[in-house]
Amino acid sequence: MNNTVNICQHGSITVVTLNRPDVCNAVNAVTARELHAAFLAFDNDDEARVAVFHGAHGHFCAGWDLQAGARMVLPGNPDQPSPLVELDFSPKDCASPGPLGPMGPSRLLLSKPVIAAISGAAVAGGMELALWCDMRVMEVDAYFGVFCRRFGVPLIDGGTVRLPRLIGMGHAMDLILTGRKVEAAEALQMGLCNRVVPTGQALEAALALAQQLASFPQETMRADRMSAYAQWDLPLSQALHQEWERGKQCIDAGLQGALRFSAGAGRHGKF
């Protein structure tokens, strides 16, 4: 990869870092492909358990690179390919893990969790990338917002799907229709982020959270996680059956955990 996306390992934790400081980590077509490849590589790495998604130089991601978009419609540039050519897809293409999205990994359903470490701006498509993650750790002066509302750029990286599911329709409509800025305290209150930490500490806090998740029995955690994702479009009876089908594969691991508990481990809610 060519330094717009950096990958490093911290034991079983994979850190994927956006690194386009000149545009506040906005994503162009090349960067989108690099992010897509990076997260597929994480998912296929048997040694990696959790990923942390981070933006370098003080911002998570300012969204789609509007400068790159502008070049697509400049006069005298008829050979610039339309993004529709590469990015169009049908529902059958979304079988796990998923096709390339405009922002890269936004159509992937990974088998392992990803934690967003958010500093500065996580706006427009950058907010959609944060919503794609399983959890969000946010610095106290960071912010979300559907800032693309100002320019007529649509939410096409899952924002209209994941945002209502995460925070409810009322809050989601407020953010989607107005495009307003949402700061960390309000984001925590409405469930848009999971943790708020001091400025400069999002990556450190996300790594600590990732280490906690990586320490758990992985088979059971991944089965529960996938059941939660897969239940949305199912009737209750089917969702409960699907949960059982996934969970029963992990019963033996749960019984081993019961043995550890009976021997004194993890009492009084201790991890």
Protein backbone atom coordinates (compact mmCIF):
# COMPACT_ATOMS: atom_id res chain seq x y z
CA MET A 1 0.00 0.00 0.00
CA ASN A 2 1.16 3.53 -0.72
CA ASN A 3 0.89 5.32 2.63
CA THR A 4 -2.72 6.54 2.36
CA VAL A 5 -3.66 3.49 4.45
CA ASN A 6 -1.21 2.15 7.02
CA ILE A 7 -1.50 -1.19 8.80
CA CYS A 8 0.33 -2.29 11.93
CA GLN A 9 -0.04 -5.15 14.40
CA HIS A 10 -0.19 -4.94 18.18
CA GLY A 11 -0.21 -8.62 18.99
CA SER A 12 -3.66 -9.87 17.99
CA ILE A 13 -4.88 -6.31 17.31
CA THR A 14 -4.72 -4.87 13.79
CA VAL A 15 -4.59 -1.07 13.53
CA VAL A 16 -5.75 0.37 10.20
CA THR A 17 -4.91 4.07 9.85
CA LEU A 18 -6.11 6.56 7.26
CA ASN A 19 -3.24 8.86 6.34
CA ARG A 20 -4.20 11.67 3.95
CA PRO A 21 -3.45 14.74 6.09
CA ASP A 22 -3.76 17.24 3.23
CA VAL A 23 -7.50 16.48 2.95
CA CYS A 24 -8.30 15.57 6.59
CA ASN A 25 -8.25 11.87 5.62
CA ALA A 26 -10.95 12.21 2.96
CA VAL A 27 -11.22 9.08 0.85
CA ASN A 28 -10.70 8.92 -2.91
CA ALA A 29 -11.06 5.86 -5.15
CA VAL A 30 -7.51 4.61 -4.51
CA THR A 31 -7.85 4.95 -0.74
CA ALA A 32 -11.25 3.25 -0.80
CA ARG A 33 -9.72 0.21 -2.49
CA GLU A 34 -6.85 0.18 0.02
CA LEU A 35 -9.25 0.29 2.98
CA HIS A 36 -11.35 -2.50 1.47
CA ALA A 37 -8.25 -4.65 0.99
CA ALA A 38 -6.91 -3.85 4.46
CA PHE A 39 -10.05 -5.00 6.25
CA LEU A 40 -10.39 -8.11 4.10
CA ALA A 41 -6.79 -8.96 5.01
CA PHE A 42 -7.61 -8.45 8.69
CA ASP A 43 -10.64 -10.71 8.44
CA ASN A 44 -8.58 -13.42 6.73
CA ASP A 45 -5.71 -13.25 9.24
CA ASP A 46 -6.15 -16.10 11.70
CA GLU A 47 -3.86 -14.38 14.21
CA ALA A 48 -5.83 -11.11 14.25
CA ARG A 49 -8.79 -10.90 16.63
CA VAL A 50 -9.91 -7.24 16.67
CA ALA A 51 -9.20 -4.24 14.44
CA VAL A 52 -8.92 -0.59 15.42
CA PHE A 53 -9.76 1.93 12.68
CA HIS A 54 -7.97 5.24 13.17
CA GLY A 55 -7.32 8.49 11.34
CA ALA A 56 -3.87 10.09 11.56
CA HIS A 57 -3.06 13.77 12.11
CA GLY A 58 -6.03 14.70 14.29
CA HIS A 59 -9.01 13.69 12.14
CA PHE A 60 -10.82 10.40 11.66
CA CYS A 61 -12.17 11.07 8.15
CA ALA A 62 -13.70 14.10 6.43
CA GLY A 63 -15.72 11.94 4.04
CA TRP A 64 -15.51 11.42 0.33
CA ASP A 65 -12.82 13.48 -1.39
CA LEU A 66 -14.91 16.22 -3.02
CA GLN A 67 -11.89 17.49 -4.94
CA ALA A 68 -11.60 14.10 -6.62
CA GLY A 69 -15.32 14.18 -7.30
CA ALA A 70 -15.06 17.62 -8.85
CA ARG A 71 -12.43 16.37 -11.28
CA MET A 72 -14.93 13.84 -12.61
CA VAL A 73 -17.13 16.61 -14.00
CA LEU A 74 -14.53 19.15 -15.08
CA PRO A 75 -14.91 20.32 -18.67
CA GLY A 76 -12.45 18.66 -21.02
CA ASN A 77 -12.24 15.49 -18.91
CA PRO A 78 -14.66 13.14 -20.73
CA ASP A 79 -12.57 10.04 -20.09
CA GLN A 80 -12.90 10.22 -16.29
CA PRO A 81 -14.85 7.05 -15.36
CA SER A 82 -18.12 7.35 -13.50
CA PRO A 83 -18.05 5.88 -9.98
CA LEU A 84 -21.21 3.98 -10.89
CA VAL A 85 -19.24 1.70 -13.17
CA GLU A 86 -17.09 0.23 -10.41
CA LEU A 87 -19.43 0.58 -7.45
CA ASP A 88 -22.83 -0.57 -8.71
CA PHE A 89 -23.98 -3.83 -7.11
CA SER A 90 -27.00 -6.02 -6.44
CA PRO A 91 -28.20 -7.62 -3.17
CA LYS A 92 -26.77 -11.01 -4.17
CA ASP A 93 -23.32 -9.39 -4.27
CA CYS A 94 -23.55 -8.67 -0.53
CA ALA A 95 -22.93 -12.23 0.55
CA SER A 96 -20.21 -12.16 3.18
CA PRO A 97 -17.84 -10.45 3.19
CA GLY A 98 -19.20 -7.97 0.62
CA PRO A 99 -18.24 -5.81 -2.37
CA LEU A 100 -16.31 -2.55 -2.57
CA GLY A 101 -18.21 0.50 -1.30
CA PRO A 102 -17.66 4.14 -2.28
CA MET A 103 -15.72 4.68 0.96
CA GLY A 104 -14.13 1.23 0.79
CA PRO A 105 -15.20 -1.31 3.43
CA SER A 106 -18.74 -0.01 4.02
CA ARG A 107 -20.42 -3.02 2.34
CA LEU A 108 -18.33 -5.63 4.16
CA LEU A 109 -19.72 -7.83 6.90
CA LEU A 110 -16.61 -9.04 8.67
CA SER A 111 -16.46 -12.01 11.01
CA LYS A 112 -14.51 -10.07 13.66
CA PRO A 113 -15.10 -6.74 15.44
CA VAL A 114 -13.75 -3.34 14.43
CA ILE A 115 -13.47 -0.39 16.84
CA ALA A 116 -13.32 3.18 15.54
CA ALA A 117 -10.90 5.55 17.33
CA ILE A 118 -12.35 8.97 16.49
CA SER A 119 -10.55 12.27 16.76
CA GLY A 120 -11.49 15.52 15.05
CA ALA A 121 -13.94 15.19 12.16
CA ALA A 122 -15.93 12.03 11.39
CA VAL A 123 -18.30 13.61 8.91
CA ALA A 124 -20.28 12.70 5.78
CA GLY A 125 -18.74 9.46 4.44
CA GLY A 126 -16.35 9.49 7.40
CA MET A 127 -19.34 9.26 9.71
CA GLU A 128 -20.60 6.35 7.63
CA LEU A 129 -17.26 4.57 8.09
CA ALA A 130 -17.56 5.10 11.85
CA LEU A 131 -21.11 3.70 11.78
CA TRP A 132 -19.79 0.64 9.93
CA CYS A 133 -17.57 -0.18 12.92
CA ASP A 134 -18.91 -2.23 15.83
CA MET A 135 -17.99 0.35 18.48
CA ARG A 136 -16.86 3.97 18.52
CA VAL A 137 -14.42 5.58 20.98
CA MET A 138 -14.60 9.36 20.58
CA GLU A 139 -12.37 12.16 21.83
CA VAL A 140 -14.13 14.91 23.74
CA ASP A 141 -13.62 17.51 21.00
CA ALA A 142 -14.37 15.17 18.07
CA TYR A 143 -17.61 15.47 16.12
CA PHE A 144 -19.97 13.78 13.70
CA GLY A 145 -22.21 15.30 11.06
CA VAL A 146 -23.85 14.61 7.72
CA PHE A 147 -21.90 17.55 6.31
CA CYS A 148 -22.44 16.30 2.74
CA ARG A 149 -26.00 17.64 3.08
CA ARG A 150 -24.59 21.05 2.06
CA PHE A 151 -23.46 19.80 -1.34
CA GLY A 152 -26.16 17.32 -2.29
CA VAL A 153 -23.87 14.30 -1.91
CA PRO A 154 -26.01 11.31 -0.86
CA LEU A 155 -25.37 8.86 1.95
CA ILE A 156 -24.49 5.70 -0.01
CA ASP A 157 -22.14 3.94 2.45
CA GLY A 158 -24.82 2.63 4.80
CA GLY A 159 -25.61 5.88 6.60
CA THR A 160 -29.36 5.78 6.01
CA VAL A 161 -29.42 2.13 7.13
CA ARG A 162 -27.03 1.99 10.08
CA LEU A 163 -27.84 5.36 11.65
CA PRO A 164 -31.56 4.67 12.33
CA ARG A 165 -30.70 1.18 13.56
CA LEU A 166 -28.10 2.57 15.94
CA ILE A 167 -29.84 5.64 17.40
CA GLY A 168 -33.50 5.35 16.34
CA MET A 169 -35.48 7.03 13.59
CA GLY A 170 -36.13 10.34 15.36
CA HIS A 171 -32.48 11.12 16.08
CA ALA A 172 -31.44 9.77 12.68
CA MET A 173 -33.87 12.02 10.79
CA ASP A 174 -32.60 15.03 12.71
CA LEU A 175 -29.02 14.30 11.66
CA ILE A 176 -29.79 13.17 8.10
CA LEU A 177 -32.09 16.07 7.22
CA THR A 178 -30.22 18.92 8.87
CA GLY A 179 -26.63 17.74 8.45
CA ARG A 180 -25.83 19.46 11.73
CA LYS A 181 -22.70 18.98 13.81
CA VAL A 182 -22.95 16.46 16.66
CA GLU A 183 -20.31 16.83 19.36
CA ALA A 184 -19.08 14.07 21.63
CA ALA A 185 -21.33 14.66 24.64
CA GLU A 186 -24.49 14.54 22.54
CA ALA A 187 -23.18 11.60 20.53
CA LEU A 188 -22.69 9.63 23.75
CA GLN A 189 -26.14 10.59 25.01
CA MET A 190 -27.91 9.38 21.86
CA GLY A 191 -25.82 6.22 21.54
CA LEU A 192 -23.87 7.36 18.51
CA CYS A 193 -20.61 6.59 20.31
CA ASN A 194 -19.76 4.16 23.12
CA ARG A 195 -16.97 5.96 24.99
CA VAL A 196 -15.76 9.57 25.27
CA VAL A 197 -12.12 10.11 26.21
CA PRO A 198 -9.82 13.14 26.54
CA THR A 199 -8.32 14.72 23.45
CA GLY A 200 -5.47 12.66 22.03
CA GLN A 201 -6.49 9.43 23.79
CA ALA A 202 -8.94 7.78 21.37
CA LEU A 203 -6.39 5.41 19.86
CA GLU A 204 -5.00 4.38 23.25
CA ALA A 205 -8.50 3.80 24.63
CA ALA A 206 -9.61 1.89 21.54
CA LEU A 207 -6.54 -0.34 21.77
CA ALA A 208 -7.30 -1.08 25.43
CA LEU A 209 -10.89 -1.95 24.52
CA ALA A 210 -9.67 -4.12 21.65
CA GLN A 211 -7.33 -5.98 24.00
CA GLN A 212 -10.29 -6.66 26.29
CA LEU A 213 -12.34 -8.11 23.41
CA ALA A 214 -9.36 -10.11 22.18
CA SER A 215 -8.99 -11.73 25.62
CA PHE A 216 -12.46 -13.31 25.51
CA PRO A 217 -13.25 -16.76 24.05
CA GLN A 218 -13.47 -15.80 20.39
CA GLU A 219 -15.85 -18.39 18.96
CA THR A 220 -18.71 -17.44 21.26
CA MET A 221 -18.18 -13.68 20.96
CA ARG A 222 -18.13 -13.85 17.16
CA ALA A 223 -21.26 -16.03 17.05
CA ASP A 224 -23.16 -13.61 19.30
CA ARG A 225 -21.95 -10.64 17.27
CA MET A 226 -23.01 -12.16 13.96
CA SER A 227 -26.39 -13.17 15.34
CA ALA A 228 -27.02 -9.56 16.35
CA TYR A 229 -26.19 -8.34 12.84
CA ALA A 230 -28.16 -11.04 11.02
CA GLN A 231 -31.43 -10.70 12.94
CA TRP A 232 -32.60 -7.32 11.60
CA ASP A 233 -34.74 -8.49 8.69
CA LEU A 234 -36.09 -11.65 10.35
CA PRO A 235 -39.34 -12.30 12.22
CA LEU A 236 -38.79 -12.88 15.93
CA SER A 237 -39.17 -16.66 15.70
CA GLN A 238 -36.60 -16.93 12.91
CA ALA A 239 -34.21 -14.56 14.66
CA LEU A 240 -34.41 -16.61 17.85
CA HIS A 241 -33.82 -19.82 15.90
CA GLN A 242 -30.84 -18.30 14.10
CA GLU A 243 -29.40 -17.17 17.45
CA TRP A 244 -29.75 -20.74 18.74
CA GLU A 245 -28.15 -22.25 15.64
CA ARG A 246 -25.12 -20.00 16.01
CA GLY A 247 -24.92 -20.22 19.78
CA LYS A 248 -25.21 -23.99 20.11
CA GLN A 249 -21.91 -24.37 18.27
CA CYS A 250 -20.29 -22.67 21.29
CA ILE A 251 -21.97 -24.55 24.13
CA ASP A 252 -18.88 -26.64 24.87
CA ALA A 253 -16.80 -23.47 25.17
CA GLY A 254 -19.45 -22.06 27.52
CA LEU A 255 -19.31 -25.14 29.70
CA GLN A 256 -15.55 -24.77 29.97
CA GLY A 257 -16.19 -21.20 31.07
CA ALA A 258 -18.58 -22.49 33.71
CA LEU A 259 -15.79 -24.69 35.01
CA ARG A 260 -13.50 -21.66 35.32
CA PHE A 261 -16.24 -19.77 37.17
CA SER A 262 -16.84 -22.65 39.58
CA ALA A 263 -13.11 -22.64 40.29
CA GLY A 264 -13.31 -18.99 41.35
CA ALA A 265 -12.54 -17.02 38.19
CA GLY A 266 -14.54 -13.93 37.22
CA ARG A 267 -16.55 -13.58 40.41
CA HIS A 268 -18.47 -10.34 41.19
CA GLY A 269 -18.37 -9.21 37.58
CA LYS A 270 -14.58 -9.13 37.34
CA PHE A 271 -12.99 -9.65 33.94
